[in-house]
N, C-alpha and C. Protein backbone atom coordinates (compact mmCIF):
# COMPACT_ATOMS: atom_id res chain seq x y z
N UNK A 1 12.14 11.29 -138.41
CA UNK A 1 10.75 11.99 -137.95
C UNK A 1 11.28 13.50 -138.42
N UNK A 2 12.13 13.83 -138.04
CA UNK A 2 12.29 15.09 -137.60
C UNK A 2 12.73 15.88 -138.90
N UNK A 3 13.84 15.17 -139.64
CA UNK A 3 13.91 15.05 -141.00
C UNK A 3 13.25 15.72 -141.49
N UNK A 4 12.19 14.44 -141.49
CA UNK A 4 10.63 14.74 -142.89
C UNK A 4 9.98 16.18 -142.26
N UNK A 5 10.26 16.24 -141.46
CA UNK A 5 8.88 17.65 -140.64
C UNK A 5 10.40 18.58 -142.02
N UNK A 6 11.15 19.12 -141.51
CA UNK A 6 11.78 19.84 -141.77
C UNK A 6 12.18 19.79 -143.13
N UNK A 7 12.25 18.85 -144.31
CA UNK A 7 12.77 18.29 -145.69
C UNK A 7 11.09 18.77 -146.01
N UNK A 8 9.94 19.03 -145.11
CA UNK A 8 9.20 19.09 -145.95
C UNK A 8 8.43 20.68 -145.40
N UNK A 9 9.38 21.45 -144.36
CA UNK A 9 8.73 22.57 -144.43
C UNK A 9 9.64 22.94 -145.24
N UNK A 10 10.82 23.26 -145.97
CA UNK A 10 11.20 23.16 -146.75
C UNK A 10 10.93 23.67 -148.35
N UNK A 11 10.16 22.10 -148.63
CA UNK A 11 9.06 22.20 -149.56
C UNK A 11 8.73 23.45 -150.12
N UNK A 12 7.32 24.16 -148.66
CA UNK A 12 6.56 24.50 -148.49
C UNK A 12 6.94 25.88 -148.32
N UNK A 13 8.37 26.40 -147.78
CA UNK A 13 8.64 27.15 -148.30
C UNK A 13 9.28 27.75 -149.65
N UNK A 14 9.86 26.88 -150.00
CA UNK A 14 9.77 26.94 -151.65
C UNK A 14 9.35 26.90 -152.37
N UNK A 15 8.22 25.99 -152.19
CA UNK A 15 6.52 27.09 -153.26
C UNK A 15 6.54 27.80 -152.86
N UNK A 16 5.97 28.39 -151.60
CA UNK A 16 5.27 29.73 -151.05
C UNK A 16 6.00 30.31 -151.56
N UNK A 17 7.32 30.51 -151.96
CA UNK A 17 8.51 31.92 -151.85
C UNK A 17 8.10 31.67 -153.35
N UNK A 18 8.62 30.52 -154.35
CA UNK A 18 7.59 30.51 -155.60
C UNK A 18 7.06 31.35 -156.41
N UNK A 19 5.95 31.01 -155.65
CA UNK A 19 4.66 31.67 -156.04
C UNK A 19 4.27 33.64 -156.16
N UNK A 20 5.83 33.37 -154.86
CA UNK A 20 5.60 35.57 -154.61
C UNK A 20 6.04 35.75 -156.01
N UNK A 21 7.34 35.53 -155.84
CA UNK A 21 8.77 35.90 -157.06
C UNK A 21 7.97 35.27 -158.58
N UNK A 22 7.86 34.42 -158.68
CA UNK A 22 7.34 34.20 -160.28
C UNK A 22 6.03 34.88 -161.07
N UNK A 23 5.43 35.18 -160.35
CA UNK A 23 4.76 36.69 -160.77
C UNK A 23 5.71 37.51 -160.98
N UNK A 24 6.15 38.26 -160.67
CA UNK A 24 6.91 39.55 -160.33
C UNK A 24 8.30 39.19 -161.85
N UNK A 25 8.59 38.57 -161.37
CA UNK A 25 9.58 37.62 -162.78
C UNK A 25 8.50 38.13 -163.69
N UNK A 26 7.75 37.23 -164.44
CA UNK A 26 6.66 36.70 -165.06
C UNK A 26 6.28 38.60 -165.68
N UNK A 27 6.22 39.31 -164.45
CA UNK A 27 5.71 40.59 -165.35
C UNK A 27 6.61 41.51 -166.05
N UNK A 28 7.88 41.29 -165.94
CA UNK A 28 8.31 42.15 -166.00
C UNK A 28 9.38 41.79 -167.16
N UNK A 29 9.18 40.89 -167.45
CA UNK A 29 10.33 39.58 -168.59
C UNK A 29 8.93 39.91 -169.56
N UNK A 30 7.81 40.03 -169.71
CA UNK A 30 6.67 40.04 -170.49
C UNK A 30 6.91 41.91 -170.14
N UNK A 31 7.08 42.67 -169.33
CA UNK A 31 6.99 44.85 -169.97
C UNK A 31 8.27 44.56 -170.76
N UNK A 32 9.44 44.05 -170.68
CA UNK A 32 10.88 43.62 -171.49
C UNK A 32 10.67 43.86 -172.77
N UNK A 33 9.40 42.97 -172.97
CA UNK A 33 9.42 41.90 -174.30
C UNK A 33 8.22 42.83 -175.15
N UNK A 34 7.38 43.50 -173.73
CA UNK A 34 6.28 44.43 -175.19
C UNK A 34 7.45 45.45 -175.52
N UNK A 35 8.24 46.00 -174.52
CA UNK A 35 8.74 47.95 -175.38
C UNK A 35 9.65 47.56 -176.65
N UNK A 36 10.65 45.92 -176.39
CA UNK A 36 11.22 45.88 -177.04
C UNK A 36 10.05 45.20 -178.32
N UNK A 37 9.22 45.05 -178.51
CA UNK A 37 8.29 45.48 -179.90
C UNK A 37 8.38 46.43 -180.27
N UNK A 38 7.53 47.52 -178.73
CA UNK A 38 6.63 48.53 -179.49
C UNK A 38 8.94 49.50 -180.09
N UNK A 39 9.45 49.20 -179.40
CA UNK A 39 10.42 49.96 -180.41
C UNK A 39 11.03 49.82 -181.89
N UNK A 40 11.07 48.61 -181.88
CA UNK A 40 10.75 48.20 -183.05
C UNK A 40 9.96 47.78 -183.90
N UNK A 41 9.03 48.47 -183.82
CA UNK A 41 7.83 49.08 -184.64
C UNK A 41 7.69 50.48 -184.56
N UNK A 42 8.62 51.07 -183.58
CA UNK A 42 8.74 52.69 -184.16
C UNK A 42 9.95 52.09 -184.58
N UNK A 43 11.04 52.37 -184.82
CA UNK A 43 11.71 52.44 -186.17
C UNK A 43 12.26 52.27 -186.99
N UNK A 44 10.68 51.35 -187.44
CA UNK A 44 10.13 50.58 -188.65
C UNK A 44 8.99 51.35 -189.41
N UNK A 45 8.59 52.24 -188.71
CA UNK A 45 8.24 53.02 -188.99
C UNK A 45 8.61 55.11 -189.05
N UNK A 46 9.85 55.41 -188.04
CA UNK A 46 10.87 56.43 -189.26
C UNK A 46 10.97 56.61 -189.96
N UNK A 47 10.55 57.49 -191.01
CA UNK A 47 11.27 57.83 -191.89
C UNK A 47 12.85 57.56 -192.15
N UNK A 48 13.20 57.89 -193.44
CA UNK A 48 14.91 56.97 -193.30
C UNK A 48 15.72 58.50 -193.32
N UNK A 49 14.86 59.21 -193.85
CA UNK A 49 16.03 60.59 -194.94
C UNK A 49 14.65 61.69 -194.85
N UNK A 50 14.87 63.53 -195.16
CA UNK A 50 14.24 63.78 -194.21
C UNK A 50 13.16 64.02 -195.70
N UNK A 51 13.84 63.57 -197.35
CA UNK A 51 12.58 63.56 -198.23
C UNK A 51 11.21 62.22 -197.94
N UNK A 52 11.48 61.63 -197.10
CA UNK A 52 10.70 60.70 -196.51
C UNK A 52 9.66 61.15 -195.83
N UNK A 53 10.53 62.63 -194.70
CA UNK A 53 8.84 63.13 -193.92
C UNK A 53 7.61 64.18 -194.27
N UNK A 54 8.08 64.75 -196.24
CA UNK A 54 6.76 64.76 -196.80
C UNK A 54 6.04 64.04 -196.95
N UNK A 55 4.24 63.64 -197.02
CA UNK A 55 3.85 63.33 -198.33
C UNK A 55 4.35 63.31 -199.78
N UNK A 56 4.51 62.20 -200.42
CA UNK A 56 4.53 62.61 -201.78
C UNK A 56 3.45 62.45 -202.52
N UNK A 57 3.17 63.13 -203.65
CA UNK A 57 1.54 63.91 -204.63
C UNK A 57 2.18 62.62 -205.63
N UNK A 58 1.05 62.01 -206.01
CA UNK A 58 1.04 61.15 -207.47
C UNK A 58 1.26 62.14 -208.17
N UNK A 59 1.56 62.51 -208.89
CA UNK A 59 2.34 63.58 -210.03
C UNK A 59 2.42 62.40 -211.55
N UNK A 60 1.17 63.08 -211.91
CA UNK A 60 1.63 62.34 -213.51
C UNK A 60 1.24 63.68 -214.62
N UNK A 61 2.11 62.82 -215.68
CA UNK A 61 2.61 64.37 -216.63
C UNK A 61 1.04 64.54 -217.59
N UNK A 62 1.78 65.70 -217.48
CA UNK A 62 -0.50 65.72 -218.72
C UNK A 62 0.09 65.29 -220.42
N UNK A 63 0.65 64.37 -220.44
CA UNK A 63 0.93 63.45 -221.47
C UNK A 63 1.70 62.61 -221.85
N UNK A 64 0.66 62.01 -220.77
CA UNK A 64 0.67 60.50 -220.49
C UNK A 64 -0.93 60.11 -220.76
N UNK A 65 -2.32 61.25 -220.41
CA UNK A 65 -3.24 60.60 -220.69
C UNK A 65 -4.17 61.30 -219.26
N UNK A 66 -4.96 60.40 -219.79
CA UNK A 66 -6.24 60.17 -218.22
C UNK A 66 -5.78 58.75 -217.18
N UNK A 67 -5.44 59.62 -216.29
CA UNK A 67 -4.76 58.36 -214.66
C UNK A 67 -6.77 57.78 -214.57
N UNK A 68 -6.00 57.06 -214.55
CA UNK A 68 -7.59 56.06 -214.07
C UNK A 68 -7.28 55.23 -212.71
N UNK A 69 -7.87 55.36 -210.96
CA UNK A 69 -7.33 54.57 -210.30
C UNK A 69 -8.47 53.04 -210.78
N UNK A 70 -8.68 52.18 -210.26
CA UNK A 70 -9.17 50.88 -210.07
C UNK A 70 -9.23 50.21 -209.69
N UNK A 71 -10.89 49.36 -209.75
CA UNK A 71 -10.99 48.24 -207.40
C UNK A 71 -11.18 47.39 -208.73
N UNK A 72 -10.59 46.80 -207.47
CA UNK A 72 -11.68 44.97 -208.13
C UNK A 72 -12.03 44.53 -208.01
N UNK A 73 -12.99 43.82 -208.61
CA UNK A 73 -14.22 43.52 -208.20
C UNK A 73 -14.71 41.69 -208.53
N UNK A 74 -15.21 40.65 -207.81
CA UNK A 74 -15.29 39.92 -208.04
C UNK A 74 -16.78 39.78 -209.11
N UNK A 75 -16.51 39.19 -209.83
CA UNK A 75 -18.59 38.73 -210.70
C UNK A 75 -18.91 37.77 -210.26
N UNK A 76 -19.68 36.72 -210.02
CA UNK A 76 -20.76 36.65 -209.12
C UNK A 76 -20.86 35.21 -210.48
N UNK A 77 -20.57 35.06 -211.26
CA UNK A 77 -21.41 34.84 -211.83
C UNK A 77 -20.83 33.48 -212.18
C-alpha cells in the first residue's frame, strides 16, 4: 500500500510541476519565434544599397508620349 501511495504522490507532483513549468517554456518559445519572425521582416524591408534608400520618381521622357495610369474595372454585362 505504501508503494502505491508513493507512486500516486510522485505522479501528482510531476503533473503539478509540469503545469507550472510548461506555460513558462511555452511563453519563452513563442517569444523567440515572434522575435525571429520580426527580425526576418526587418531584414527583408531594409534597403540593400544606398541607391534604394531614396524613393525613385517615375521619369517619362518627353519623346515617349502621354503617360496614362490605367485602373482595371469589371464590366457588369
